[in-house]
Amino acid sequence: MTTTYEQLVALLTKLHHAPADRIRPGATLGELDVDSLTTVEISMRIERDLGVVVGDDELAPDLTLGDIAGLIDSRQPAL
């Protein structure tokens, strides 16, 4: 089973084509040069692919990939 972080990385690399050597849990969206349009697309894909609503306004440039994965996990329904 893949982790939320791994799913987020797969989604991000598909949408943004960020270099693999720059993608790590501590990398921020700003460090990865994610623009506002891509942020909206990421938000929509998180909802579609992972079933969790994370508004694009919540995906601030200083938010790390680890933080985003944690936010998604915190909104997953309990099993």
PDB file of N, CA and C in Angstrom:
ATOM      1  N   MET A   1       0.845  -1.189   0.000  1.00  0.00           N
ATOM      2  CA  MET A   1       0.000   0.000   0.000  1.00  0.00           C
ATOM      3  C   MET A   1       0.887   1.247   0.000  1.00  0.00           C
ATOM      4  N   THR A   2       0.562   2.187  -0.857  1.00  0.00           N
ATOM      5  CA  THR A   2       1.368   3.397  -0.919  1.00  0.00           C
ATOM      6  C   THR A   2       0.927   4.385   0.153  1.00  0.00           C
ATOM      7  N   THR A   3       1.875   5.170   0.593  1.00  0.00           N
ATOM      8  CA  THR A   3       1.569   6.169   1.609  1.00  0.00           C
ATOM      9  C   THR A   3       0.981   7.407   0.943  1.00  0.00           C
ATOM     10  N   THR A   4       0.384   8.245   1.745  1.00  0.00           N
ATOM     11  CA  THR A   4      -0.160   9.497   1.238  1.00  0.00           C
ATOM     12  C   THR A   4       0.946  10.332   0.615  1.00  0.00           C
ATOM     13  N   TYR A   5       2.115  10.363   1.268  1.00  0.00           N
ATOM     14  CA  TYR A   5       3.232  11.126   0.729  1.00  0.00           C
ATOM     15  C   TYR A   5       3.611  10.615  -0.668  1.00  0.00           C
ATOM     16  N   GLU A   6       3.688   9.313  -0.839  1.00  0.00           N
ATOM     17  CA  GLU A   6       4.039   8.744  -2.147  1.00  0.00           C
ATOM     18  C   GLU A   6       2.984   9.089  -3.200  1.00  0.00           C
ATOM     19  N   GLN A   7       1.723   9.074  -2.811  1.00  0.00           N
ATOM     20  CA  GLN A   7       0.653   9.439  -3.735  1.00  0.00           C
ATOM     21  C   GLN A   7       0.767  10.917  -4.114  1.00  0.00           C
ATOM     22  N   LEU A   8       1.097  11.760  -3.121  1.00  0.00           N
ATOM     23  CA  LEU A   8       1.260  13.185  -3.372  1.00  0.00           C
ATOM     24  C   LEU A   8       2.425  13.432  -4.322  1.00  0.00           C
ATOM     25  N   VAL A   9       3.534  12.753  -4.121  1.00  0.00           N
ATOM     26  CA  VAL A   9       4.697  12.901  -4.997  1.00  0.00           C
ATOM     27  C   VAL A   9       4.349  12.469  -6.419  1.00  0.00           C
ATOM     28  N   ALA A  10       3.644  11.364  -6.569  1.00  0.00           N
ATOM     29  CA  ALA A  10       3.238  10.895  -7.897  1.00  0.00           C
ATOM     30  C   ALA A  10       2.358  11.934  -8.585  1.00  0.00           C
ATOM     31  N   LEU A  11       1.431  12.487  -7.842  1.00  0.00           N
ATOM     32  CA  LEU A  11       0.536  13.507  -8.368  1.00  0.00           C
ATOM     33  C   LEU A  11       1.329  14.746  -8.778  1.00  0.00           C
ATOM     34  N   LEU A  12       2.238  15.175  -7.914  1.00  0.00           N
ATOM     35  CA  LEU A  12       3.025  16.381  -8.170  1.00  0.00           C
ATOM     36  C   LEU A  12       3.945  16.210  -9.379  1.00  0.00           C
ATOM     37  N   THR A  13       4.588  15.072  -9.485  1.00  0.00           N
ATOM     38  CA  THR A  13       5.488  14.868 -10.624  1.00  0.00           C
ATOM     39  C   THR A  13       4.719  14.777 -11.933  1.00  0.00           C
ATOM     40  N   LYS A  14       3.509  14.289 -11.867  1.00  0.00           N
ATOM     41  CA  LYS A  14       2.669  14.212 -13.065  1.00  0.00           C
ATOM     42  C   LYS A  14       2.237  15.613 -13.518  1.00  0.00           C
ATOM     43  N   LEU A  15       1.894  16.462 -12.562  1.00  0.00           N
ATOM     44  CA  LEU A  15       1.387  17.790 -12.891  1.00  0.00           C
ATOM     45  C   LEU A  15       2.482  18.826 -13.099  1.00  0.00           C
ATOM     46  N   HIS A  16       3.562  18.705 -12.360  1.00  0.00           N
ATOM     47  CA  HIS A  16       4.547  19.796 -12.318  1.00  0.00           C
ATOM     48  C   HIS A  16       5.899  19.436 -12.914  1.00  0.00           C
ATOM     49  N   HIS A  17       6.193  18.183 -13.051  1.00  0.00           N
ATOM     50  CA  HIS A  17       7.475  17.732 -13.608  1.00  0.00           C
ATOM     51  C   HIS A  17       8.663  18.272 -12.814  1.00  0.00           C
ATOM     52  N   ALA A  18       8.521  18.304 -11.508  1.00  0.00           N
ATOM     53  CA  ALA A  18       9.621  18.743 -10.643  1.00  0.00           C
ATOM     54  C   ALA A  18      10.741  17.707 -10.686  1.00  0.00           C
ATOM     55  N   PRO A  19      11.984  18.158 -10.691  1.00  0.00           N
ATOM     56  CA  PRO A  19      13.106  17.218 -10.687  1.00  0.00           C
ATOM     57  C   PRO A  19      13.072  16.318  -9.455  1.00  0.00           C
ATOM     58  N   ALA A  20      13.275  15.036  -9.656  1.00  0.00           N
ATOM     59  CA  ALA A  20      13.186  14.054  -8.570  1.00  0.00           C
ATOM     60  C   ALA A  20      14.141  14.358  -7.429  1.00  0.00           C
ATOM     61  N   ASP A  21      15.309  14.928  -7.740  1.00  0.00           N
ATOM     62  CA  ASP A  21      16.281  15.209  -6.684  1.00  0.00           C
ATOM     63  C   ASP A  21      15.868  16.365  -5.785  1.00  0.00           C
ATOM     64  N   ARG A  22      14.859  17.128  -6.182  1.00  0.00           N
ATOM     65  CA  ARG A  22      14.366  18.235  -5.348  1.00  0.00           C
ATOM     66  C   ARG A  22      13.152  17.835  -4.522  1.00  0.00           C
ATOM     67  N   ILE A  23      12.564  16.688  -4.834  1.00  0.00           N
ATOM     68  CA  ILE A  23      11.353  16.263  -4.126  1.00  0.00           C
ATOM     69  C   ILE A  23      11.748  15.473  -2.887  1.00  0.00           C
ATOM     70  N   ARG A  24      11.348  16.011  -1.736  1.00  0.00           N
ATOM     71  CA  ARG A  24      11.598  15.393  -0.437  1.00  0.00           C
ATOM     72  C   ARG A  24      10.528  15.913   0.520  1.00  0.00           C
ATOM     73  N   PRO A  25      10.305  15.226   1.639  1.00  0.00           N
ATOM     74  CA  PRO A  25       9.246  15.672   2.559  1.00  0.00           C
ATOM     75  C   PRO A  25       9.403  17.116   3.038  1.00  0.00           C
ATOM     76  N   GLY A  26      10.636  17.600   3.153  1.00  0.00           N
ATOM     77  CA  GLY A  26      10.858  18.963   3.646  1.00  0.00           C
ATOM     78  C   GLY A  26      10.835  20.035   2.583  1.00  0.00           C
ATOM     79  N   ALA A  27      10.658  19.661   1.320  1.00  0.00           N
ATOM     80  CA  ALA A  27      10.615  20.639   0.232  1.00  0.00           C
ATOM     81  C   ALA A  27       9.285  21.388   0.268  1.00  0.00           C
ATOM     82  N   THR A  28       9.350  22.702   0.092  1.00  0.00           N
ATOM     83  CA  THR A  28       8.124  23.501   0.054  1.00  0.00           C
ATOM     84  C   THR A  28       7.649  23.649  -1.387  1.00  0.00           C
ATOM     85  N   LEU A  29       6.386  24.007  -1.520  1.00  0.00           N
ATOM     86  CA  LEU A  29       5.854  24.256  -2.859  1.00  0.00           C
ATOM     87  C   LEU A  29       6.620  25.396  -3.531  1.00  0.00           C
ATOM     88  N   GLY A  30       7.013  26.385  -2.738  1.00  0.00           N
ATOM     89  CA  GLY A  30       7.793  27.496  -3.278  1.00  0.00           C
ATOM     90  C   GLY A  30       9.151  27.055  -3.788  1.00  0.00           C
ATOM     91  N   GLU A  31       9.818  26.193  -3.048  1.00  0.00           N
ATOM     92  CA  GLU A  31      11.125  25.685  -3.472  1.00  0.00           C
ATOM     93  C   GLU A  31      11.016  24.872  -4.765  1.00  0.00           C
ATOM     94  N   LEU A  32       9.870  24.266  -4.966  1.00  0.00           N
ATOM     95  CA  LEU A  32       9.639  23.472  -6.172  1.00  0.00           C
ATOM     96  C   LEU A  32       9.081  24.321  -7.312  1.00  0.00           C
ATOM     97  N   ASP A  33       8.977  25.648  -7.075  1.00  0.00           N
ATOM     98  CA  ASP A  33       8.478  26.581  -8.095  1.00  0.00           C
ATOM     99  C   ASP A  33       7.076  26.253  -8.582  1.00  0.00           C
ATOM    100  N   VAL A  34       6.231  25.829  -7.648  1.00  0.00           N
ATOM    101  CA  VAL A  34       4.837  25.530  -7.988  1.00  0.00           C
ATOM    102  C   VAL A  34       4.076  26.847  -8.064  1.00  0.00           C
ATOM    103  N   ASP A  35       3.492  27.138  -9.226  1.00  0.00           N
ATOM    104  CA  ASP A  35       2.755  28.390  -9.400  1.00  0.00           C
ATOM    105  C   ASP A  35       1.294  28.228  -8.970  1.00  0.00           C
ATOM    106  N   SER A  36       0.553  29.311  -9.005  1.00  0.00           N
ATOM    107  CA  SER A  36      -0.822  29.299  -8.499  1.00  0.00           C
ATOM    108  C   SER A  36      -1.739  28.397  -9.325  1.00  0.00           C
ATOM    109  N   LEU A  37      -1.545  28.340 -10.622  1.00  0.00           N
ATOM    110  CA  LEU A  37      -2.374  27.463 -11.462  1.00  0.00           C
ATOM    111  C   LEU A  37      -2.132  25.999 -11.114  1.00  0.00           C
ATOM    112  N   THR A  38      -0.876  25.643 -10.933  1.00  0.00           N
ATOM    113  CA  THR A  38      -0.546  24.273 -10.561  1.00  0.00           C
ATOM    114  C   THR A  38      -1.089  23.951  -9.176  1.00  0.00           C
ATOM    115  N   THR A  39      -1.079  24.931  -8.281  1.00  0.00           N
ATOM    116  CA  THR A  39      -1.630  24.734  -6.942  1.00  0.00           C
ATOM    117  C   THR A  39      -3.110  24.384  -7.015  1.00  0.00           C
ATOM    118  N   VAL A  40      -3.840  25.069  -7.887  1.00  0.00           N
ATOM    119  CA  VAL A  40      -5.266  24.766  -8.078  1.00  0.00           C
ATOM    120  C   VAL A  40      -5.422  23.347  -8.615  1.00  0.00           C
ATOM    121  N   GLU A  41      -4.588  22.975  -9.587  1.00  0.00           N
ATOM    122  CA  GLU A  41      -4.658  21.630 -10.154  1.00  0.00           C
ATOM    123  C   GLU A  41      -4.337  20.567  -9.097  1.00  0.00           C
ATOM    124  N   ILE A  42      -3.347  20.832  -8.263  1.00  0.00           N
ATOM    125  CA  ILE A  42      -2.994  19.891  -7.190  1.00  0.00           C
ATOM    126  C   ILE A  42      -4.177  19.714  -6.249  1.00  0.00           C
ATOM    127  N   SER A  43      -4.799  20.809  -5.873  1.00  0.00           N
ATOM    128  CA  SER A  43      -5.963  20.763  -4.983  1.00  0.00           C
ATOM    129  C   SER A  43      -7.080  19.912  -5.582  1.00  0.00           C
ATOM    130  N   MET A  44      -7.341  20.112  -6.863  1.00  0.00           N
ATOM    131  CA  MET A  44      -8.404  19.356  -7.530  1.00  0.00           C
ATOM    132  C   MET A  44      -8.056  17.865  -7.622  1.00  0.00           C
ATOM    133  N   ARG A  45      -6.796  17.557  -7.897  1.00  0.00           N
ATOM    134  CA  ARG A  45      -6.372  16.156  -8.006  1.00  0.00           C
ATOM    135  C   ARG A  45      -6.378  15.464  -6.647  1.00  0.00           C
ATOM    136  N   ILE A  46      -6.031  16.185  -5.598  1.00  0.00           N
ATOM    137  CA  ILE A  46      -6.097  15.596  -4.256  1.00  0.00           C
ATOM    138  C   ILE A  46      -7.535  15.164  -3.973  1.00  0.00           C
ATOM    139  N   GLU A  47      -8.473  16.039  -4.297  1.00  0.00           N
ATOM    140  CA  GLU A  47      -9.880  15.697  -4.058  1.00  0.00           C
ATOM    141  C   GLU A  47     -10.309  14.523  -4.942  1.00  0.00           C
ATOM    142  N   ARG A  48      -9.978  14.578  -6.212  1.00  0.00           N
ATOM    143  CA  ARG A  48     -10.398  13.531  -7.142  1.00  0.00           C
ATOM    144  C   ARG A  48      -9.727  12.190  -6.854  1.00  0.00           C
ATOM    145  N   ASP A  49      -8.427  12.209  -6.668  1.00  0.00           N
ATOM    146  CA  ASP A  49      -7.670  10.960  -6.547  1.00  0.00           C
ATOM    147  C   ASP A  49      -7.613  10.406  -5.135  1.00  0.00           C
ATOM    148  N   LEU A  50      -7.626  11.292  -4.132  1.00  0.00           N
ATOM    149  CA  LEU A  50      -7.477  10.839  -2.751  1.00  0.00           C
ATOM    150  C   LEU A  50      -8.755  11.006  -1.929  1.00  0.00           C
ATOM    151  N   GLY A  51      -9.761  11.664  -2.493  1.00  0.00           N
ATOM    152  CA  GLY A  51     -11.045  11.797  -1.816  1.00  0.00           C
ATOM    153  C   GLY A  51     -11.044  12.738  -0.636  1.00  0.00           C
ATOM    154  N   VAL A  52     -10.116  13.694  -0.635  1.00  0.00           N
ATOM    155  CA  VAL A  52     -10.003  14.638   0.477  1.00  0.00           C
ATOM    156  C   VAL A  52     -10.018  16.056  -0.088  1.00  0.00           C
ATOM    157  N   VAL A  53     -10.798  16.925   0.532  1.00  0.00           N
ATOM    158  CA  VAL A  53     -10.852  18.311   0.091  1.00  0.00           C
ATOM    159  C   VAL A  53      -9.753  19.106   0.796  1.00  0.00           C
ATOM    160  N   VAL A  54      -8.852  19.660  -0.019  1.00  0.00           N
ATOM    161  CA  VAL A  54      -7.827  20.589   0.453  1.00  0.00           C
ATOM    162  C   VAL A  54      -7.888  21.762  -0.508  1.00  0.00           C
ATOM    163  N   GLY A  55      -8.349  22.894  -0.015  1.00  0.00           N
ATOM    164  CA  GLY A  55      -8.491  24.068  -0.867  1.00  0.00           C
ATOM    165  C   GLY A  55      -7.150  24.575  -1.353  1.00  0.00           C
ATOM    166  N   ASP A  56      -7.148  25.126  -2.571  1.00  0.00           N
ATOM    167  CA  ASP A  56      -5.891  25.661  -3.094  1.00  0.00           C
ATOM    168  C   ASP A  56      -5.364  26.794  -2.225  1.00  0.00           C
ATOM    169  N   ASP A  57      -6.266  27.484  -1.502  1.00  0.00           N
ATOM    170  CA  ASP A  57      -5.835  28.550  -0.594  1.00  0.00           C
ATOM    171  C   ASP A  57      -5.093  27.997   0.628  1.00  0.00           C
ATOM    172  N   GLU A  58      -5.233  26.704   0.890  1.00  0.00           N
ATOM    173  CA  GLU A  58      -4.519  26.065   1.998  1.00  0.00           C
ATOM    174  C   GLU A  58      -3.114  25.622   1.590  1.00  0.00           C
ATOM    175  N   LEU A  59      -2.861  25.556   0.302  1.00  0.00           N
ATOM    176  CA  LEU A  59      -1.583  25.079  -0.204  1.00  0.00           C
ATOM    177  C   LEU A  59      -0.635  26.259  -0.410  1.00  0.00           C
ATOM    178  N   ALA A  60      -0.193  26.825   0.696  1.00  0.00           N
ATOM    179  CA  ALA A  60       0.683  27.995   0.680  1.00  0.00           C
ATOM    180  C   ALA A  60       2.084  27.611   0.200  1.00  0.00           C
ATOM    181  N   PRO A  61       2.798  28.563  -0.411  1.00  0.00           N
ATOM    182  CA  PRO A  61       4.143  28.281  -0.923  1.00  0.00           C
ATOM    183  C   PRO A  61       5.130  27.783   0.132  1.00  0.00           C
ATOM    184  N   ASP A  62       4.901  28.124   1.410  1.00  0.00           N
ATOM    185  CA  ASP A  62       5.831  27.687   2.459  1.00  0.00           C
ATOM    186  C   ASP A  62       5.441  26.353   3.095  1.00  0.00           C
ATOM    187  N   LEU A  63       4.398  25.730   2.576  1.00  0.00           N
ATOM    188  CA  LEU A  63       3.964  24.429   3.083  1.00  0.00           C
ATOM    189  C   LEU A  63       4.838  23.331   2.477  1.00  0.00           C
ATOM    190  N   THR A  64       5.331  22.428   3.315  1.00  0.00           N
ATOM    191  CA  THR A  64       6.175  21.340   2.809  1.00  0.00           C
ATOM    192  C   THR A  64       5.309  20.190   2.298  1.00  0.00           C
ATOM    193  N   LEU A  65       5.921  19.344   1.505  1.00  0.00           N
ATOM    194  CA  LEU A  65       5.206  18.163   1.015  1.00  0.00           C
ATOM    195  C   LEU A  65       4.793  17.267   2.178  1.00  0.00           C
ATOM    196  N   GLY A  66       5.650  17.178   3.185  1.00  0.00           N
ATOM    197  CA  GLY A  66       5.302  16.411   4.388  1.00  0.00           C
ATOM    198  C   GLY A  66       4.100  16.996   5.104  1.00  0.00           C
ATOM    199  N   ASP A  67       4.045  18.343   5.168  1.00  0.00           N
ATOM    200  CA  ASP A  67       2.894  19.015   5.786  1.00  0.00           C
ATOM    201  C   ASP A  67       1.608  18.729   5.016  1.00  0.00           C
ATOM    202  N   ILE A  68       1.710  18.777   3.701  1.00  0.00           N
ATOM    203  CA  ILE A  68       0.527  18.525   2.865  1.00  0.00           C
ATOM    204  C   ILE A  68       0.051  17.084   3.043  1.00  0.00           C
ATOM    205  N   ALA A  69       0.989  16.140   3.062  1.00  0.00           N
ATOM    206  CA  ALA A  69       0.614  14.738   3.283  1.00  0.00           C
ATOM    207  C   ALA A  69      -0.055  14.577   4.647  1.00  0.00           C
ATOM    208  N   GLY A  70       0.474  15.252   5.655  1.00  0.00           N
ATOM    209  CA  GLY A  70      -0.133  15.205   6.990  1.00  0.00           C
ATOM    210  C   GLY A  70      -1.530  15.798   7.004  1.00  0.00           C
ATOM    211  N   LEU A  71      -1.720  16.898   6.272  1.00  0.00           N
ATOM    212  CA  LEU A  71      -3.034  17.533   6.172  1.00  0.00           C
ATOM    213  C   LEU A  71      -4.027  16.574   5.518  1.00  0.00           C
ATOM    214  N   ILE A  72      -3.604  15.921   4.449  1.00  0.00           N
ATOM    215  CA  ILE A  72      -4.474  14.951   3.766  1.00  0.00           C
ATOM    216  C   ILE A  72      -4.823  13.807   4.716  1.00  0.00           C
ATOM    217  N   ASP A  73      -3.817  13.264   5.391  1.00  0.00           N
ATOM    218  CA  ASP A  73      -4.061  12.173   6.341  1.00  0.00           C
ATOM    219  C   ASP A  73      -5.038  12.577   7.436  1.00  0.00           C
ATOM    220  N   SER A  74      -4.925  13.804   7.916  1.00  0.00           N
ATOM    221  CA  SER A  74      -5.791  14.260   9.002  1.00  0.00           C
ATOM    222  C   SER A  74      -7.254  14.385   8.561  1.00  0.00           C
ATOM    223  N   ARG A  75      -7.469  14.460   7.267  1.00  0.00           N
ATOM    224  CA  ARG A  75      -8.831  14.600   6.747  1.00  0.00           C
ATOM    225  C   ARG A  75      -9.395  13.306   6.169  1.00  0.00           C
ATOM    226  N   GLN A  76      -8.597  12.254   6.194  1.00  0.00           N
ATOM    227  CA  GLN A  76      -9.074  10.951   5.721  1.00  0.00           C
ATOM    228  C   GLN A  76     -10.103  10.412   6.723  1.00  0.00           C
ATOM    229  N   PRO A  77     -11.166   9.826   6.230  1.00  0.00           N
ATOM    230  CA  PRO A  77     -12.139   9.236   7.146  1.00  0.00           C
ATOM    231  C   PRO A  77     -11.529   8.044   7.887  1.00  0.00           C
ATOM    232  N   ALA A  78     -11.919   7.903   9.127  1.00  0.00           N
ATOM    233  CA  ALA A  78     -11.429   6.758   9.928  1.00  0.00           C
ATOM    234  C   ALA A  78     -12.015   5.469   9.384  1.00  0.00           C
ATOM    235  N   LEU A  79     -11.200   4.433   9.408  1.00  0.00           N
ATOM    236  CA  LEU A  79     -11.674   3.133   8.917  1.00  0.00           C
ATOM    237  C   LEU A  79     -12.367   2.350  10.006  1.00  0.00           C
TER     238      LEU A  79
END
